[in-house]
C-alpha atoms as a PDB file:
ATOM      1  CA  UNK A   1       0.100   0.089   0.086  1.00  0.00           C
ATOM      2  CA  UNK A   2       1.388   3.636  -0.952  1.00  0.00           C
ATOM      3  CA  UNK A   3       2.232   5.380   2.331  1.00  0.00           C
ATOM      4  CA  UNK A   4       0.535   8.627   3.525  1.00  0.00           C
ATOM      5  CA  UNK A   5       3.419  11.343   4.993  1.00  0.00           C
ATOM      6  CA  UNK A   6       1.592  14.252   6.410  1.00  0.00           C
ATOM      7  CA  UNK A   7       3.207  17.592   5.696  1.00  0.00           C
ATOM      8  CA  UNK A   8       2.451  19.729   8.972  1.00  0.00           C
ATOM      9  CA  UNK A   9       3.694  23.194   7.493  1.00  0.00           C
ATOM     10  CA  UNK A  10       0.050  24.614   7.781  1.00  0.00           C
ATOM     11  CA  UNK A  11       0.310  23.564  11.815  1.00  0.00           C
ATOM     12  CA  UNK A  12       3.210  25.994  12.040  1.00  0.00           C
ATOM     13  CA  UNK A  13       1.960  28.581   9.766  1.00  0.00           C
ATOM     14  CA  UNK A  14      -1.306  29.188  11.918  1.00  0.00           C
ATOM     15  CA  UNK A  15       0.983  29.124  15.262  1.00  0.00           C
ATOM     16  CA  UNK A  16       3.361  31.575  13.544  1.00  0.00           C
ATOM     17  CA  UNK A  17       0.283  34.047  12.799  1.00  0.00           C
ATOM     18  CA  UNK A  18      -0.263  34.736  16.271  1.00  0.00           C
ATOM     19  CA  UNK A  19       3.197  33.796  17.827  1.00  0.00           C
ATOM     20  CA  UNK A  20       3.127  31.516  20.952  1.00  0.00           C
ATOM     21  CA  UNK A  21       2.863  27.956  20.479  1.00  0.00           C
ATOM     22  CA  UNK A  22      -0.286  27.062  19.708  1.00  0.00           C
ATOM     23  CA  UNK A  23      -1.105  25.190  17.685  1.00  0.00           C
ATOM     24  CA  UNK A  24       1.811  23.163  18.707  1.00  0.00           C
ATOM     25  CA  UNK A  25       3.646  21.264  15.692  1.00  0.00           C
ATOM     26  CA  UNK A  26       5.190  18.477  17.826  1.00  0.00           C
ATOM     27  CA  UNK A  27       1.846  17.674  19.381  1.00  0.00           C
ATOM     28  CA  UNK A  28       0.531  18.047  15.706  1.00  0.00           C
ATOM     29  CA  UNK A  29       3.242  15.125  14.630  1.00  0.00           C
ATOM     30  CA  UNK A  30       2.628  12.940  17.607  1.00  0.00           C
ATOM     31  CA  UNK A  31      -1.239  12.873  16.590  1.00  0.00           C
ATOM     32  CA  UNK A  32      -0.784  12.557  12.991  1.00  0.00           C
ATOM     33  CA  UNK A  33       1.070   9.049  13.696  1.00  0.00           C
ATOM     34  CA  UNK A  34      -1.330   8.354  16.206  1.00  0.00           C
ATOM     35  CA  UNK A  35      -4.155   8.699  13.612  1.00  0.00           C
ATOM     36  CA  UNK A  36      -2.221   6.762  11.045  1.00  0.00           C
ATOM     37  CA  UNK A  37       0.013   8.707   9.177  1.00  0.00           C
ATOM     38  CA  UNK A  38       3.114   6.698   7.794  1.00  0.00           C
ATOM     39  CA  UNK A  39       5.515   9.591   8.278  1.00  0.00           C
ATOM     40  CA  UNK A  40       5.916  13.444   8.885  1.00  0.00           C
ATOM     41  CA  UNK A  41       6.892  15.597   6.478  1.00  0.00           C
ATOM     42  CA  UNK A  42       8.485  19.405   7.169  1.00  0.00           C
ATOM     43  CA  UNK A  43       9.901  21.898   4.685  1.00  0.00           C
ATOM     44  CA  UNK A  44      11.852  24.491   6.723  1.00  0.00           C
ATOM     45  CA  UNK A  45      12.820  27.311   4.934  1.00  0.00           C
ATOM     46  CA  UNK A  46      15.482  30.081   5.535  1.00  0.00           C
ATOM     47  CA  UNK A  47      12.761  32.732   6.457  1.00  0.00           C
ATOM     48  CA  UNK A  48      11.254  30.600   8.936  1.00  0.00           C
ATOM     49  CA  UNK A  49       7.767  31.597   7.952  1.00  0.00           C
ATOM     50  CA  UNK A  50       6.116  28.136   8.638  1.00  0.00           C
ATOM     51  CA  UNK A  51       8.331  25.120  10.339  1.00  0.00           C
ATOM     52  CA  UNK A  52      11.457  26.883  12.123  1.00  0.00           C
ATOM     53  CA  UNK A  53      15.060  25.447  12.739  1.00  0.00           C
ATOM     54  CA  UNK A  54      13.660  24.797  16.275  1.00  0.00           C
ATOM     55  CA  UNK A  55      10.708  22.590  15.225  1.00  0.00           C
ATOM     56  CA  UNK A  56      13.120  20.538  13.087  1.00  0.00           C
ATOM     57  CA  UNK A  57      15.079  19.409  16.221  1.00  0.00           C
ATOM     58  CA  UNK A  58      11.777  19.077  18.771  1.00  0.00           C
ATOM     59  CA  UNK A  59      10.406  17.163  15.942  1.00  0.00           C
ATOM     60  CA  UNK A  60      13.141  14.146  15.641  1.00  0.00           C
ATOM     61  CA  UNK A  61      12.706  12.744  18.985  1.00  0.00           C
ATOM     62  CA  UNK A  62       8.931  11.655  18.739  1.00  0.00           C
ATOM     63  CA  UNK A  63       8.819  10.274  15.369  1.00  0.00           C
ATOM     64  CA  UNK A  64       7.942   7.016  15.339  1.00  0.00           C
ATOM     65  CA  UNK A  65       6.960   6.480  11.665  1.00  0.00           C
ATOM     66  CA  UNK A  66       9.186   8.148   9.067  1.00  0.00           C
ATOM     67  CA  UNK A  67      10.676  11.480   8.974  1.00  0.00           C
ATOM     68  CA  UNK A  68      10.875  13.247   5.823  1.00  0.00           C
ATOM     69  CA  UNK A  69      12.373  16.693   5.371  1.00  0.00           C
ATOM     70  CA  UNK A  70      12.253  19.003   2.276  1.00  0.00           C
ATOM     71  CA  UNK A  71      14.119  21.488   0.957  1.00  0.00           C
ATOM     72  CA  UNK A  72      16.572  23.529  -0.936  1.00  0.00           C
ATOM     73  CA  UNK A  73      19.872  22.052  -0.465  1.00  0.00           C
ATOM     74  CA  UNK A  74      21.626  25.245   0.772  1.00  0.00           C
ATOM     75  CA  UNK A  75      24.816  24.430   3.255  1.00  0.00           C
ATOM     76  CA  UNK A  76      23.045  25.433   6.063  1.00  0.00           C
ATOM     77  CA  UNK A  77      20.061  22.997   4.945  1.00  0.00           C
ATOM     78  CA  UNK A  78      22.812  19.881   4.184  1.00  0.00           C
ATOM     79  CA  UNK A  79      24.267  20.376   7.857  1.00  0.00           C
ATOM     80  CA  UNK A  80      20.957  20.435   9.335  1.00  0.00           C
ATOM     81  CA  UNK A  81      19.569  17.199   7.633  1.00  0.00           C
ATOM     82  CA  UNK A  82      22.819  15.314   8.610  1.00  0.00           C
ATOM     83  CA  UNK A  83      22.655  16.398  12.190  1.00  0.00           C
ATOM     84  CA  UNK A  84      18.939  15.456  12.359  1.00  0.00           C
ATOM     85  CA  UNK A  85      19.570  11.849  10.462  1.00  0.00           C
ATOM     86  CA  UNK A  86      15.874  11.441   9.065  1.00  0.00           C
ATOM     87  CA  UNK A  87      14.648   8.749   7.116  1.00  0.00           C
ATOM     88  CA  UNK A  88      14.492  10.638   3.945  1.00  0.00           C
ATOM     89  CA  UNK A  89      15.756  13.998   2.664  1.00  0.00           C
ATOM     90  CA  UNK A  90      13.551  15.434  -0.599  1.00  0.00           C
ATOM     91  CA  UNK A  91      15.457  18.069  -2.530  1.00  0.00           C
ATOM     92  CA  UNK A  92      13.622  20.749  -3.938  1.00  0.00           C
ATOM     93  CA  UNK A  93      14.873  23.374  -6.349  1.00  0.00           C
ATOM     94  CA  UNK A  94      13.212  26.318  -4.533  1.00  0.00           C
ATOM     95  CA  UNK A  95      14.983  29.540  -3.941  1.00  0.00           C
ATOM     96  CA  UNK A  96      14.278  31.514  -0.827  1.00  0.00           C
ATOM     97  CA  UNK A  97      11.413  33.594  -2.064  1.00  0.00           C
ATOM     98  CA  UNK A  98       9.315  30.862  -3.446  1.00  0.00           C
ATOM     99  CA  UNK A  99       6.098  30.850  -1.782  1.00  0.00           C
ATOM    100  CA  UNK A 100       5.360  27.063  -2.570  1.00  0.00           C
ATOM    101  CA  UNK A 101       7.307  24.395  -4.756  1.00  0.00           C
ATOM    102  CA  UNK A 102       6.415  25.267  -8.444  1.00  0.00           C
ATOM    103  CA  UNK A 103       8.830  23.219 -10.284  1.00  0.00           C
ATOM    104  CA  UNK A 104      11.007  20.050 -10.224  1.00  0.00           C
ATOM    105  CA  UNK A 105      14.687  19.745 -10.860  1.00  0.00           C
ATOM    106  CA  UNK A 106      16.258  20.010 -14.073  1.00  0.00           C
ATOM    107  CA  UNK A 107      18.186  16.677 -13.641  1.00  0.00           C
ATOM    108  CA  UNK A 108      20.546  16.985 -16.869  1.00  0.00           C
ATOM    109  CA  UNK A 109      21.445  20.620 -16.240  1.00  0.00           C
ATOM    110  CA  UNK A 110      22.181  20.032 -12.653  1.00  0.00           C
ATOM    111  CA  UNK A 111      23.390  16.399 -12.762  1.00  0.00           C
ATOM    112  CA  UNK A 112      26.992  17.203 -11.362  1.00  0.00           C
ATOM    113  CA  UNK A 113      25.376  19.183  -8.550  1.00  0.00           C
ATOM    114  CA  UNK A 114      22.719  17.070  -7.566  1.00  0.00           C
ATOM    115  CA  UNK A 115      24.940  13.657  -7.249  1.00  0.00           C
ATOM    116  CA  UNK A 116      27.090  15.580  -5.286  1.00  0.00           C
ATOM    117  CA  UNK A 117      24.733  16.394  -2.627  1.00  0.00           C
ATOM    118  CA  UNK A 118      22.919  13.301  -3.043  1.00  0.00           C
ATOM    119  CA  UNK A 119      26.166  11.264  -2.061  1.00  0.00           C
ATOM    120  CA  UNK A 120      26.454  13.187   1.255  1.00  0.00           C
ATOM    121  CA  UNK A 121      23.194  12.203   2.381  1.00  0.00           C
ATOM    122  CA  UNK A 122      23.630   8.498   1.284  1.00  0.00           C
ATOM    123  CA  UNK A 123      26.756   8.277   3.138  1.00  0.00           C
ATOM    124  CA  UNK A 124      24.785   9.080   6.193  1.00  0.00           C
ATOM    125  CA  UNK A 125      22.208   6.387   5.275  1.00  0.00           C
ATOM    126  CA  UNK A 126      19.748   8.906   4.555  1.00  0.00           C
ATOM    127  CA  UNK A 127      17.086   7.963   1.615  1.00  0.00           C
ATOM    128  CA  UNK A 128      17.382  10.586  -0.637  1.00  0.00           C
ATOM    129  CA  UNK A 129      14.277  11.868  -3.223  1.00  0.00           C
ATOM    130  CA  UNK A 130      14.260  14.485  -5.864  1.00  0.00           C
ATOM    131  CA  UNK A 131      11.658  16.756  -6.985  1.00  0.00           C
ATOM    132  CA  UNK A 132      10.884  16.213 -10.375  1.00  0.00           C
ATOM    133  CA  UNK A 133       8.391  16.806 -13.234  1.00  0.00           C
ATOM    134  CA  UNK A 134       6.979  13.750 -15.063  1.00  0.00           C
ATOM    135  CA  UNK A 135       9.435  13.806 -18.271  1.00  0.00           C
ATOM    136  CA  UNK A 136      10.961  10.774 -19.276  1.00  0.00           C
ATOM    137  CA  UNK A 137      14.127  12.700 -19.815  1.00  0.00           C
ATOM    138  CA  UNK A 138      13.852  13.880 -16.414  1.00  0.00           C
ATOM    139  CA  UNK A 139      13.421  10.616 -15.017  1.00  0.00           C
ATOM    140  CA  UNK A 140      16.474   9.278 -16.705  1.00  0.00           C
ATOM    141  CA  UNK A 141      18.617  12.164 -15.497  1.00  0.00           C
ATOM    142  CA  UNK A 142      17.634  11.414 -12.146  1.00  0.00           C
ATOM    143  CA  UNK A 143      19.245   8.079 -12.381  1.00  0.00           C
ATOM    144  CA  UNK A 144      22.208   9.372 -13.412  1.00  0.00           C
ATOM    145  CA  UNK A 145      22.082  11.813 -10.259  1.00  0.00           C
ATOM    146  CA  UNK A 146      22.107   8.373  -8.192  1.00  0.00           C
ATOM    147  CA  UNK A 147      18.947   9.499  -6.013  1.00  0.00           C
ATOM    148  CA  UNK A 148      16.999   6.793  -4.261  1.00  0.00           C
ATOM    149  CA  UNK A 149      13.511   8.168  -5.286  1.00  0.00           C
ATOM    150  CA  UNK A 150      12.229  10.691  -7.409  1.00  0.00           C
ATOM    151  CA  UNK A 151       8.800  12.832  -6.039  1.00  0.00           C
ATOM    152  CA  UNK A 152       6.709  13.670  -8.917  1.00  0.00           C
ATOM    153  CA  UNK A 153       5.504  17.162  -8.756  1.00  0.00           C
ATOM    154  CA  UNK A 154       1.893  16.592  -9.446  1.00  0.00           C
ATOM    155  CA  UNK A 155       0.279  20.038  -9.732  1.00  0.00           C
ATOM    156  CA  UNK A 156      -0.229  19.587 -13.020  1.00  0.00           C
ATOM    157  CA  UNK A 157      -2.301  16.661 -12.676  1.00  0.00           C
ATOM    158  CA  UNK A 158      -4.355  18.275  -9.879  1.00  0.00           C
ATOM    159  CA  UNK A 159      -5.009  21.403 -12.322  1.00  0.00           C
ATOM    160  CA  UNK A 160      -6.116  19.002 -14.949  1.00  0.00           C
ATOM    161  CA  UNK A 161      -7.788  16.226 -13.184  1.00  0.00           C
ATOM    162  CA  UNK A 162     -11.338  17.722 -13.428  1.00  0.00           C
ATOM    163  CA  UNK A 163     -10.934  18.432 -17.294  1.00  0.00           C
ATOM    164  CA  UNK A 164      -9.685  15.316 -18.461  1.00  0.00           C
ATOM    165  CA  UNK A 165      -7.823  13.064 -15.773  1.00  0.00           C
ATOM    166  CA  UNK A 166      -6.716  10.399 -18.404  1.00  0.00           C
ATOM    167  CA  UNK A 167      -4.842  12.900 -20.027  1.00  0.00           C
ATOM    168  CA  UNK A 168      -4.035  14.437 -17.090  1.00  0.00           C
ATOM    169  CA  UNK A 169      -2.606  11.193 -15.555  1.00  0.00           C
ATOM    170  CA  UNK A 170      -0.951   9.892 -18.670  1.00  0.00           C
ATOM    171  CA  UNK A 171       2.913  11.670 -18.260  1.00  0.00           C
ATOM    172  CA  UNK A 172       2.680  10.330 -14.294  1.00  0.00           C
ATOM    173  CA  UNK A 173       2.383   6.746 -15.861  1.00  0.00           C
ATOM    174  CA  UNK A 174       4.604   7.123 -18.372  1.00  0.00           C
ATOM    175  CA  UNK A 175       7.063   8.572 -16.140  1.00  0.00           C
ATOM    176  CA  UNK A 176       6.517   6.022 -13.174  1.00  0.00           C
ATOM    177  CA  UNK A 177       6.969   3.167 -15.773  1.00  0.00           C
ATOM    178  CA  UNK A 178      10.392   4.702 -16.572  1.00  0.00           C
ATOM    179  CA  UNK A 179      11.664   5.046 -12.857  1.00  0.00           C
ATOM    180  CA  UNK A 180      10.522   1.504 -12.330  1.00  0.00           C
ATOM    181  CA  UNK A 181      12.529   0.113 -15.075  1.00  0.00           C
ATOM    182  CA  UNK A 182      15.452   2.270 -13.894  1.00  0.00           C
ATOM    183  CA  UNK A 183      15.083   1.103 -10.330  1.00  0.00           C
ATOM    184  CA  UNK A 184      13.858   4.351  -8.865  1.00  0.00           C
ATOM    185  CA  UNK A 185      11.387   4.599  -6.420  1.00  0.00           C
ATOM    186  CA  UNK A 186       8.456   6.826  -6.707  1.00  0.00           C
ATOM    187  CA  UNK A 187       7.112   9.263  -4.362  1.00  0.00           C
ATOM    188  CA  UNK A 188       4.301  12.192  -5.109  1.00  0.00           C
ATOM    189  CA  UNK A 189       3.213  15.255  -4.126  1.00  0.00           C
ATOM    190  CA  UNK A 190       1.448  18.939  -4.157  1.00  0.00           C
ATOM    191  CA  UNK A 191      -2.152  19.606  -4.239  1.00  0.00           C
ATOM    192  CA  UNK A 192      -3.188  16.098  -4.144  1.00  0.00           C
ATOM    193  CA  UNK A 193      -6.549  15.980  -2.415  1.00  0.00           C
ATOM    194  CA  UNK A 194      -9.775  13.684  -1.110  1.00  0.00           C
ATOM    195  CA  UNK A 195     -11.015  14.745  -4.812  1.00  0.00           C
ATOM    196  CA  UNK A 196      -8.344  13.398  -6.998  1.00  0.00           C
ATOM    197  CA  UNK A 197      -5.849  11.282  -4.772  1.00  0.00           C
ATOM    198  CA  UNK A 198      -7.462   7.869  -5.530  1.00  0.00           C
ATOM    199  CA  UNK A 199      -7.129   7.797  -8.933  1.00  0.00           C
ATOM    200  CA  UNK A 200      -4.025   8.878  -8.748  1.00  0.00           C
ATOM    201  CA  UNK A 201      -2.789   6.367  -6.695  1.00  0.00           C
ATOM    202  CA  UNK A 202      -4.669   3.532  -8.580  1.00  0.00           C
ATOM    203  CA  UNK A 203      -3.402   4.873 -11.943  1.00  0.00           C
ATOM    204  CA  UNK A 204       0.161   5.410 -11.131  1.00  0.00           C
ATOM    205  CA  UNK A 205       2.147   2.218 -10.822  1.00  0.00           C
ATOM    206  CA  UNK A 206       4.605   1.253  -8.000  1.00  0.00           C
ATOM    207  CA  UNK A 207       3.849   4.449  -5.933  1.00  0.00           C
ATOM    208  CA  UNK A 208       5.622   4.020  -2.572  1.00  0.00           C
ATOM    209  CA  UNK A 209       4.466   7.523  -1.117  1.00  0.00           C
ATOM    210  CA  UNK A 210       2.670  10.547  -1.232  1.00  0.00           C
ATOM    211  CA  UNK A 211       3.251  13.782   0.933  1.00  0.00           C
ATOM    212  CA  UNK A 212       0.267  15.781   1.393  1.00  0.00           C
ATOM    213  CA  UNK A 213       0.003  18.851   3.617  1.00  0.00           C
ATOM    214  CA  UNK A 214      -2.014  22.146   2.615  1.00  0.00           C
ATOM    215  CA  UNK A 215      -5.457  20.245   1.277  1.00  0.00           C
ATOM    216  CA  UNK A 216      -5.191  17.289   4.300  1.00  0.00           C
ATOM    217  CA  UNK A 217      -4.816  19.983   6.843  1.00  0.00           C
ATOM    218  CA  UNK A 218      -7.464  22.411   5.012  1.00  0.00           C
ATOM    219  CA  UNK A 219      -9.780  18.996   5.249  1.00  0.00           C
ATOM    220  CA  UNK A 220      -9.001  18.519   8.815  1.00  0.00           C
ATOM    221  CA  UNK A 221     -10.449  21.868   9.759  1.00  0.00           C
ATOM    222  CA  UNK A 222     -14.037  20.824   8.899  1.00  0.00           C
ATOM    223  CA  UNK A 223     -13.511  17.447   9.206  1.00  0.00           C
ATOM    224  CA  UNK A 224     -11.186  16.749  12.221  1.00  0.00           C
ATOM    225  CA  UNK A 225      -7.446  15.660  11.899  1.00  0.00           C
ATOM    226  CA  UNK A 226      -8.225  11.883  12.834  1.00  0.00           C
ATOM    227  CA  UNK A 227     -10.981  11.375  10.191  1.00  0.00           C
ATOM    228  CA  UNK A 228      -9.298  13.181   7.544  1.00  0.00           C
ATOM    229  CA  UNK A 229      -6.197  11.081   7.960  1.00  0.00           C
ATOM    230  CA  UNK A 230      -8.270   7.964   8.018  1.00  0.00           C
ATOM    231  CA  UNK A 231     -10.301   9.128   4.756  1.00  0.00           C
ATOM    232  CA  UNK A 232      -6.926   9.946   3.065  1.00  0.00           C
ATOM    233  CA  UNK A 233      -5.484   6.660   3.940  1.00  0.00           C
ATOM    234  CA  UNK A 234      -8.621   4.731   2.667  1.00  0.00           C
ATOM    235  CA  UNK A 235      -8.122   6.221  -0.962  1.00  0.00           C
ATOM    236  CA  UNK A 236      -4.771   4.773  -0.970  1.00  0.00           C
END
Protein backbone atom coordinates (compact mmCIF):
# COMPACT_ATOMS: atom_id res chain seq x y z
CA UNK A 1 0.00 0.00 0.00
CA UNK A 2 1.13 3.52 -0.78
CA UNK A 3 2.24 5.33 2.38
CA UNK A 4 0.82 8.67 3.50
CA UNK A 5 3.25 11.24 4.85
CA UNK A 6 1.50 14.25 6.36
CA UNK A 7 3.14 17.62 5.79
CA UNK A 8 2.54 19.75 8.90
CA UNK A 9 3.88 23.06 7.57
CA UNK A 10 0.38 24.61 7.71
CA UNK A 11 0.13 23.83 11.43
CA UNK A 12 3.22 25.96 11.92
CA UNK A 13 1.80 28.68 9.66
CA UNK A 14 -1.25 29.00 11.92
CA UNK A 15 0.92 29.05 15.03
CA UNK A 16 3.20 31.73 13.62
CA UNK A 17 0.26 33.96 12.70
CA UNK A 18 -0.26 34.73 16.40
CA UNK A 19 3.10 33.87 17.91
CA UNK A 20 3.26 31.63 20.94
CA UNK A 21 2.96 27.88 20.65
CA UNK A 22 -0.62 27.12 19.66
CA UNK A 23 -1.22 24.94 17.76
CA UNK A 24 1.83 22.98 18.84
CA UNK A 25 3.63 21.33 15.90
CA UNK A 26 5.17 18.57 18.02
CA UNK A 27 1.73 17.59 19.32
CA UNK A 28 0.44 17.72 15.75
CA UNK A 29 3.18 15.36 14.59
CA UNK A 30 2.46 12.97 17.46
CA UNK A 31 -1.26 12.98 16.71
CA UNK A 32 -0.84 12.56 12.95
CA UNK A 33 1.17 9.41 13.61
CA UNK A 34 -1.32 8.20 16.23
CA UNK A 35 -4.18 8.77 13.77
CA UNK A 36 -2.56 6.62 11.08
CA UNK A 37 -0.04 8.71 9.13
CA UNK A 38 2.89 6.64 7.88
CA UNK A 39 5.27 9.56 8.16
CA UNK A 40 5.72 13.26 8.90
CA UNK A 41 6.98 15.72 6.30
CA UNK A 42 8.28 19.22 6.98
CA UNK A 43 9.78 21.84 4.70
CA UNK A 44 11.82 24.34 6.71
CA UNK A 45 12.65 27.52 4.78
CA UNK A 46 15.36 30.09 5.51
CA UNK A 47 12.84 32.77 6.58
CA UNK A 48 11.12 30.31 8.99
CA UNK A 49 7.71 31.47 7.81
CA UNK A 50 6.24 28.15 8.93
CA UNK A 51 8.51 25.36 10.20
CA UNK A 52 11.42 26.79 12.18
CA UNK A 53 14.84 25.33 12.73
CA UNK A 54 13.87 24.67 16.35
CA UNK A 55 10.82 22.72 15.15
CA UNK A 56 13.03 20.41 13.13
CA UNK A 57 15.04 19.44 16.20
CA UNK A 58 11.97 19.27 18.47
CA UNK A 59 10.07 16.94 16.13
CA UNK A 60 12.85 14.43 15.56
CA UNK A 61 12.66 12.63 18.98
CA UNK A 62 8.92 11.95 18.72
CA UNK A 63 8.97 10.39 15.25
CA UNK A 64 7.81 6.79 15.47
CA UNK A 65 7.14 6.33 11.75
CA UNK A 66 9.22 8.13 9.12
CA UNK A 67 10.69 11.63 9.09
CA UNK A 68 10.94 13.35 5.69
CA UNK A 69 12.65 16.74 5.51
CA UNK A 70 12.18 18.73 2.30
CA UNK A 71 14.21 21.70 1.24
CA UNK A 72 16.64 23.45 -1.03
CA UNK A 73 20.12 22.00 -0.44
CA UNK A 74 21.89 25.09 0.88
CA UNK A 75 24.89 24.54 3.12
CA UNK A 76 22.79 25.24 6.24
CA UNK A 77 20.08 22.81 5.12
CA UNK A 78 22.58 20.05 4.35
CA UNK A 79 24.28 20.42 7.74
CA UNK A 80 20.94 20.43 9.59
CA UNK A 81 19.73 17.27 7.81
CA UNK A 82 23.00 15.48 8.54
CA UNK A 83 22.61 16.36 12.24
CA UNK A 84 18.96 15.26 12.38
CA UNK A 85 19.54 12.10 10.32
CA UNK A 86 15.94 11.60 9.11
CA UNK A 87 14.79 8.53 7.22
CA UNK A 88 14.40 10.60 4.04
CA UNK A 89 15.46 13.93 2.61
CA UNK A 90 13.63 15.41 -0.37
CA UNK A 91 15.55 17.96 -2.40
CA UNK A 92 13.58 20.75 -4.07
CA UNK A 93 14.90 23.47 -6.40
CA UNK A 94 13.07 26.33 -4.64
CA UNK A 95 14.89 29.54 -3.95
CA UNK A 96 14.27 31.36 -0.64
CA UNK A 97 11.63 33.71 -2.16
CA UNK A 98 9.38 30.96 -3.53
CA UNK A 99 5.99 30.67 -1.77
CA UNK A 100 5.60 26.97 -2.52
CA UNK A 101 7.29 24.43 -4.77
CA UNK A 102 6.43 25.20 -8.39
CA UNK A 103 8.78 23.11 -10.54
CA UNK A 104 11.01 20.06 -10.40
CA UNK A 105 14.76 19.77 -10.84
CA UNK A 106 16.37 19.86 -14.26
CA UNK A 107 18.30 16.65 -13.63
CA UNK A 108 20.31 17.09 -16.81
CA UNK A 109 21.50 20.66 -16.22
CA UNK A 110 22.15 20.08 -12.48
CA UNK A 111 23.29 16.47 -12.70
CA UNK A 112 26.78 16.87 -11.25
CA UNK A 113 25.49 19.23 -8.54
CA UNK A 114 22.75 16.83 -7.46
CA UNK A 115 24.99 13.79 -7.68
CA UNK A 116 27.46 15.35 -5.22
CA UNK A 117 24.76 16.38 -2.72
CA UNK A 118 22.90 13.07 -2.93
CA UNK A 119 26.10 11.16 -2.21
CA UNK A 120 26.62 13.22 0.98
CA UNK A 121 23.25 12.12 2.36
CA UNK A 122 23.59 8.54 1.19
CA UNK A 123 26.93 8.19 2.96
CA UNK A 124 25.00 8.92 6.19
CA UNK A 125 22.37 6.32 5.32
CA UNK A 126 19.66 8.90 4.55
CA UNK A 127 17.35 7.93 1.69
CA UNK A 128 17.25 10.68 -0.91
CA UNK A 129 14.39 11.81 -3.11
CA UNK A 130 14.40 14.64 -5.65
CA UNK A 131 11.42 16.69 -6.78
CA UNK A 132 10.88 16.24 -10.54
CA UNK A 133 8.42 16.89 -13.34
CA UNK A 134 6.97 13.81 -15.08
CA UNK A 135 9.23 13.82 -18.12
CA UNK A 136 11.13 10.77 -19.36
CA UNK A 137 14.41 12.62 -19.92
CA UNK A 138 14.21 14.07 -16.41
CA UNK A 139 13.64 10.60 -14.92
CA UNK A 140 16.62 9.27 -16.86
CA UNK A 141 18.66 12.19 -15.53
CA UNK A 142 17.54 11.36 -12.00
CA UNK A 143 18.99 7.89 -12.40
CA UNK A 144 22.34 9.37 -13.38
CA UNK A 145 22.19 11.62 -10.31
CA UNK A 146 22.11 8.48 -8.14
CA UNK A 147 18.94 9.31 -6.24
CA UNK A 148 17.04 6.60 -4.36
CA UNK A 149 13.64 8.04 -5.20
CA UNK A 150 11.92 10.76 -7.16
CA UNK A 151 8.94 12.81 -5.99
CA UNK A 152 6.64 13.48 -8.92
CA UNK A 153 5.41 17.08 -8.88
CA UNK A 154 1.65 16.70 -9.22
CA UNK A 155 0.30 20.25 -9.55
CA UNK A 156 -0.38 19.87 -13.29
CA UNK A 157 -2.25 16.63 -12.65
CA UNK A 158 -4.34 18.28 -9.94
CA UNK A 159 -5.11 21.29 -12.16
CA UNK A 160 -6.16 19.16 -15.14
CA UNK A 161 -7.90 16.36 -13.23
CA UNK A 162 -11.42 17.81 -13.45
CA UNK A 163 -10.97 18.63 -17.15
CA UNK A 164 -9.60 15.33 -18.48
CA UNK A 165 -8.26 12.97 -15.85
CA UNK A 166 -7.00 10.37 -18.34
CA UNK A 167 -4.95 12.98 -20.15
CA UNK A 168 -3.82 14.46 -16.85
CA UNK A 169 -2.51 11.16 -15.50
CA UNK A 170 -0.82 9.94 -18.70
CA UNK A 171 2.64 11.56 -18.23
CA UNK A 172 2.75 10.38 -14.62
CA UNK A 173 2.12 6.77 -15.62
CA UNK A 174 4.88 6.99 -18.23
CA UNK A 175 7.27 8.62 -15.77
CA UNK A 176 6.52 6.02 -13.11
CA UNK A 177 7.07 3.15 -15.54
CA UNK A 178 10.43 4.60 -16.53
CA UNK A 179 11.44 5.10 -12.90
CA UNK A 180 10.54 1.51 -12.07
CA UNK A 181 12.48 0.29 -15.09
CA UNK A 182 15.52 2.23 -13.81
CA UNK A 183 15.16 0.98 -10.23
CA UNK A 184 14.09 4.32 -8.73
CA UNK A 185 11.44 4.52 -6.00
CA UNK A 186 8.43 6.75 -6.59
CA UNK A 187 6.93 9.40 -4.30
CA UNK A 188 4.45 12.09 -5.30
CA UNK A 189 3.08 15.32 -3.96
CA UNK A 190 1.62 18.80 -4.47
CA UNK A 191 -2.10 19.57 -4.54
CA UNK A 192 -3.17 15.96 -4.11
CA UNK A 193 -6.53 15.94 -2.36
CA UNK A 194 -9.60 13.91 -1.39
CA UNK A 195 -10.93 14.64 -4.87
CA UNK A 196 -8.02 13.45 -6.98
CA UNK A 197 -5.85 11.17 -4.83
CA UNK A 198 -7.61 7.83 -5.33
CA UNK A 199 -7.44 7.96 -9.12
CA UNK A 200 -3.79 8.97 -9.04
CA UNK A 201 -2.82 6.18 -6.64
CA UNK A 202 -4.69 3.55 -8.63
CA UNK A 203 -3.28 4.60 -11.98
CA UNK A 204 0.36 5.27 -11.13
CA UNK A 205 2.25 1.98 -10.73
CA UNK A 206 4.67 1.26 -7.87
CA UNK A 207 3.79 4.42 -5.95
CA UNK A 208 5.70 4.24 -2.65
CA UNK A 209 4.54 7.38 -0.87
CA UNK A 210 2.49 10.54 -1.18
CA UNK A 211 3.21 13.68 0.82
CA UNK A 212 0.13 15.81 1.47
CA UNK A 213 -0.09 18.99 3.51
CA UNK A 214 -2.22 21.94 2.44
CA UNK A 215 -5.31 20.00 1.33
CA UNK A 216 -5.21 17.59 4.25
CA UNK A 217 -4.82 20.26 6.93
CA UNK A 218 -7.54 22.35 5.25
CA UNK A 219 -9.90 19.36 5.24
CA UNK A 220 -9.08 18.71 8.89
CA UNK A 221 -10.52 22.12 9.85
CA UNK A 222 -13.95 20.86 8.78
CA UNK A 223 -13.65 17.10 9.23
CA UNK A 224 -11.24 16.70 12.16
CA UNK A 225 -7.63 15.57 11.92
CA UNK A 226 -8.13 11.91 12.80
CA UNK A 227 -11.08 11.48 10.46
CA UNK A 228 -9.28 13.29 7.64
CA UNK A 229 -6.13 11.18 7.87
CA UNK A 230 -8.25 8.03 7.82
CA UNK A 231 -10.15 9.30 4.76
CA UNK A 232 -6.89 9.87 2.89
CA UNK A 233 -5.58 6.48 3.98
CA UNK A 234 -8.68 4.74 2.65
CA UNK A 235 -8.13 6.34 -0.76
CA UNK A 236 -4.69 4.72 -0.83
